[in-house]
Amino acid sequence: MTKRGLPHSEHLRLGQILSGVRAQLHHEWVALLSAYPRTGERALPAKHLEAAWEALDAARKELEHLVYQEHPEVAEVYDYFPYEEHRAEVRVPMKPGSSRGPVPFGE
C-alpha cells in the first residue's frame, strides 16, 4: 500500500508550526550568543541550537518539495516559509513548572 502523504491543509498547519519553532530557536540562539562566548565548551549550546534550526530548515525544504508533488494545483512557497504573521506562536509558562497555563513569549 502506498502512502498518500498529507492533505494540503495539514502541510499548511505544519509549515506554520515549523516556521514558528524555527523563529523561536533563532531568538534563543541570539540570546545565548549574547550571554556566552562564541568558542569553547560554553559555546556548545548555541552551536547545538544553530544545528537544530539548520536541520529544521532542511526538513522544511524537503516538505516543500513534497507539497508541490502532492498538491501542485494549490502549493505555494509560503506553505513552509510563511510570512511572520502566519507563523505559529511559541508559548511558554510565566513560571516554568508552576504556571496554570501558557502565555505568549515575552509577556
C-alpha atoms as a PDB file:
ATOM      1  CA  MET A   1       0.000   0.000   0.000  1.00  0.00           C
ATOM      2  CA  THR A   2       1.367   3.393  -0.998  1.00  0.00           C
ATOM      3  CA  LYS A   3       1.006   6.197   1.487  1.00  0.00           C
ATOM      4  CA  ARG A   4      -0.599   9.324   0.029  1.00  0.00           C
ATOM      5  CA  GLY A   5       1.125  11.944   2.140  1.00  0.00           C
ATOM      6  CA  LEU A   6      -0.502  14.855   3.935  1.00  0.00           C
ATOM      7  CA  PRO A   7      -3.571  16.798   2.853  1.00  0.00           C
ATOM      8  CA  HIS A   8      -2.704  20.343   1.799  1.00  0.00           C
ATOM      9  CA  SER A   9      -4.348  21.797   4.912  1.00  0.00           C
ATOM     10  CA  GLU A  10      -2.028  19.682   7.083  1.00  0.00           C
ATOM     11  CA  HIS A  11       1.009  20.891   5.114  1.00  0.00           C
ATOM     12  CA  LEU A  12      -0.108  24.466   5.819  1.00  0.00           C
ATOM     13  CA  ARG A  13      -0.505  23.761   9.537  1.00  0.00           C
ATOM     14  CA  LEU A  14       2.854  22.002   9.736  1.00  0.00           C
ATOM     15  CA  GLY A  15       4.528  24.854   7.856  1.00  0.00           C
ATOM     16  CA  GLN A  16       3.153  27.374  10.348  1.00  0.00           C
ATOM     17  CA  ILE A  17       4.324  25.309  13.317  1.00  0.00           C
ATOM     18  CA  LEU A  18       7.814  24.592  11.965  1.00  0.00           C
ATOM     19  CA  SER A  19       8.386  28.216  10.964  1.00  0.00           C
ATOM     20  CA  GLY A  20       7.314  29.403  14.418  1.00  0.00           C
ATOM     21  CA  VAL A  21       9.615  26.920  16.137  1.00  0.00           C
ATOM     22  CA  ARG A  22      12.475  27.955  13.846  1.00  0.00           C
ATOM     23  CA  ALA A  23      11.952  31.635  14.667  1.00  0.00           C
ATOM     24  CA  GLN A  24      11.976  30.874  18.390  1.00  0.00           C
ATOM     25  CA  LEU A  25      15.132  28.745  18.090  1.00  0.00           C
ATOM     26  CA  HIS A  26      16.840  31.624  16.303  1.00  0.00           C
ATOM     27  CA  HIS A  27      15.723  34.050  19.015  1.00  0.00           C
ATOM     28  CA  GLU A  28      17.142  31.782  21.726  1.00  0.00           C
ATOM     29  CA  TRP A  29      20.376  31.314  19.747  1.00  0.00           C
ATOM     30  CA  VAL A  30      20.887  35.085  19.653  1.00  0.00           C
ATOM     31  CA  ALA A  31      20.252  35.234  23.406  1.00  0.00           C
ATOM     32  CA  LEU A  32      22.890  32.560  24.017  1.00  0.00           C
ATOM     33  CA  LEU A  33      25.410  34.364  21.811  1.00  0.00           C
ATOM     34  CA  SER A  34      24.867  37.454  23.926  1.00  0.00           C
ATOM     35  CA  ALA A  35      25.363  35.563  27.187  1.00  0.00           C
ATOM     36  CA  TYR A  36      28.188  33.132  26.400  1.00  0.00           C
ATOM     37  CA  PRO A  37      31.434  33.086  24.401  1.00  0.00           C
ATOM     38  CA  ARG A  38      31.286  32.002  20.759  1.00  0.00           C
ATOM     39  CA  THR A  39      34.085  29.485  21.156  1.00  0.00           C
ATOM     40  CA  GLY A  40      34.977  26.798  23.645  1.00  0.00           C
ATOM     41  CA  GLU A  41      32.853  24.479  25.744  1.00  0.00           C
ATOM     42  CA  ARG A  42      30.438  27.210  26.846  1.00  0.00           C
ATOM     43  CA  ALA A  43      29.610  27.917  23.185  1.00  0.00           C
ATOM     44  CA  LEU A  44      28.244  24.400  22.610  1.00  0.00           C
ATOM     45  CA  PRO A  45      24.590  25.107  23.492  1.00  0.00           C
ATOM     46  CA  ALA A  46      24.416  27.895  20.894  1.00  0.00           C
ATOM     47  CA  LYS A  47      26.107  25.657  18.308  1.00  0.00           C
ATOM     48  CA  HIS A  48      23.562  22.918  19.002  1.00  0.00           C
ATOM     49  CA  LEU A  49      20.664  25.355  18.589  1.00  0.00           C
ATOM     50  CA  GLU A  50      22.148  26.515  15.303  1.00  0.00           C
ATOM     51  CA  ALA A  51      22.394  22.895  14.130  1.00  0.00           C
ATOM     52  CA  ALA A  52      18.782  22.326  15.217  1.00  0.00           C
ATOM     53  CA  TRP A  53      17.420  25.214  13.191  1.00  0.00           C
ATOM     54  CA  GLU A  54      19.524  24.200  10.182  1.00  0.00           C
ATOM     55  CA  ALA A  55      18.050  20.677  10.442  1.00  0.00           C
ATOM     56  CA  LEU A  56      14.583  22.205  10.734  1.00  0.00           C
ATOM     57  CA  ASP A  57      15.202  24.283   7.598  1.00  0.00           C
ATOM     58  CA  ALA A  58      16.351  21.162   5.737  1.00  0.00           C
ATOM     59  CA  ALA A  59      13.154  19.349   6.743  1.00  0.00           C
ATOM     60  CA  ARG A  60      11.041  22.327   5.639  1.00  0.00           C
ATOM     61  CA  LYS A  61      12.743  22.384   2.237  1.00  0.00           C
ATOM     62  CA  GLU A  62      12.080  18.666   1.756  1.00  0.00           C
ATOM     63  CA  LEU A  63       8.471  19.097   2.854  1.00  0.00           C
ATOM     64  CA  GLU A  64       8.143  21.973   0.405  1.00  0.00           C
ATOM     65  CA  HIS A  65       9.192  19.620  -2.401  1.00  0.00           C
ATOM     66  CA  LEU A  66       6.613  17.093  -1.213  1.00  0.00           C
ATOM     67  CA  VAL A  67       3.756  19.586  -1.065  1.00  0.00           C
ATOM     68  CA  TYR A  68       4.492  20.614  -4.668  1.00  0.00           C
ATOM     69  CA  GLN A  69       4.471  16.943  -5.731  1.00  0.00           C
ATOM     70  CA  GLU A  70       1.321  16.070  -3.792  1.00  0.00           C
ATOM     71  CA  HIS A  71      -0.705  19.261  -4.385  1.00  0.00           C
ATOM     72  CA  PRO A  72       0.726  21.048  -7.461  1.00  0.00           C
ATOM     73  CA  GLU A  73      -2.506  22.920  -8.106  1.00  0.00           C
ATOM     74  CA  VAL A  74      -2.505  24.737  -4.744  1.00  0.00           C
ATOM     75  CA  ALA A  75       1.038  24.548  -3.330  1.00  0.00           C
ATOM     76  CA  GLU A  76       2.905  27.807  -2.726  1.00  0.00           C
ATOM     77  CA  VAL A  77       6.307  28.804  -1.399  1.00  0.00           C
ATOM     78  CA  TYR A  78       4.516  30.251   1.622  1.00  0.00           C
ATOM     79  CA  ASP A  79       3.258  26.821   2.698  1.00  0.00           C
ATOM     80  CA  TYR A  80       6.509  26.091   4.535  1.00  0.00           C
ATOM     81  CA  PHE A  81       8.066  29.557   4.553  1.00  0.00           C
ATOM     82  CA  PRO A  82       5.152  31.784   5.608  1.00  0.00           C
ATOM     83  CA  TYR A  83       5.293  35.448   6.427  1.00  0.00           C
ATOM     84  CA  GLU A  84       5.819  36.247  10.099  1.00  0.00           C
ATOM     85  CA  GLU A  85       2.141  36.933  10.776  1.00  0.00           C
ATOM     86  CA  HIS A  86       1.273  33.392   9.617  1.00  0.00           C
ATOM     87  CA  ARG A  87       3.814  31.575  11.805  1.00  0.00           C
ATOM     88  CA  ALA A  88       2.691  29.646  14.867  1.00  0.00           C
ATOM     89  CA  GLU A  89       3.423  31.386  18.145  1.00  0.00           C
ATOM     90  CA  VAL A  90       5.627  29.615  20.670  1.00  0.00           C
ATOM     91  CA  ARG A  91       4.112  29.894  24.132  1.00  0.00           C
ATOM     92  CA  VAL A  92       5.933  29.365  27.412  1.00  0.00           C
ATOM     93  CA  PRO A  93       4.689  29.377  31.010  1.00  0.00           C
ATOM     94  CA  MET A  94       5.185  32.567  33.007  1.00  0.00           C
ATOM     95  CA  LYS A  95       6.861  30.495  35.726  1.00  0.00           C
ATOM     96  CA  PRO A  96       8.162  27.238  34.255  1.00  0.00           C
ATOM     97  CA  GLY A  97       6.826  24.276  36.159  1.00  0.00           C
ATOM     98  CA  SER A  98       4.272  26.217  38.190  1.00  0.00           C
ATOM     99  CA  SER A  99       2.180  28.256  35.769  1.00  0.00           C
ATOM    100  CA  ARG A 100      -1.504  27.420  35.337  1.00  0.00           C
ATOM    101  CA  GLY A 101      -1.325  27.823  31.562  1.00  0.00           C
ATOM    102  CA  PRO A 102       0.670  29.047  28.577  1.00  0.00           C
ATOM    103  CA  VAL A 103       1.238  32.716  27.837  1.00  0.00           C
ATOM    104  CA  PRO A 104       2.716  34.389  24.757  1.00  0.00           C
ATOM    105  CA  PHE A 105       6.519  34.516  24.865  1.00  0.00           C
ATOM    106  CA  GLY A 106       7.861  37.694  26.401  1.00  0.00           C
ATOM    107  CA  GLU A 107       4.756  38.766  28.310  1.00  0.00           C
END
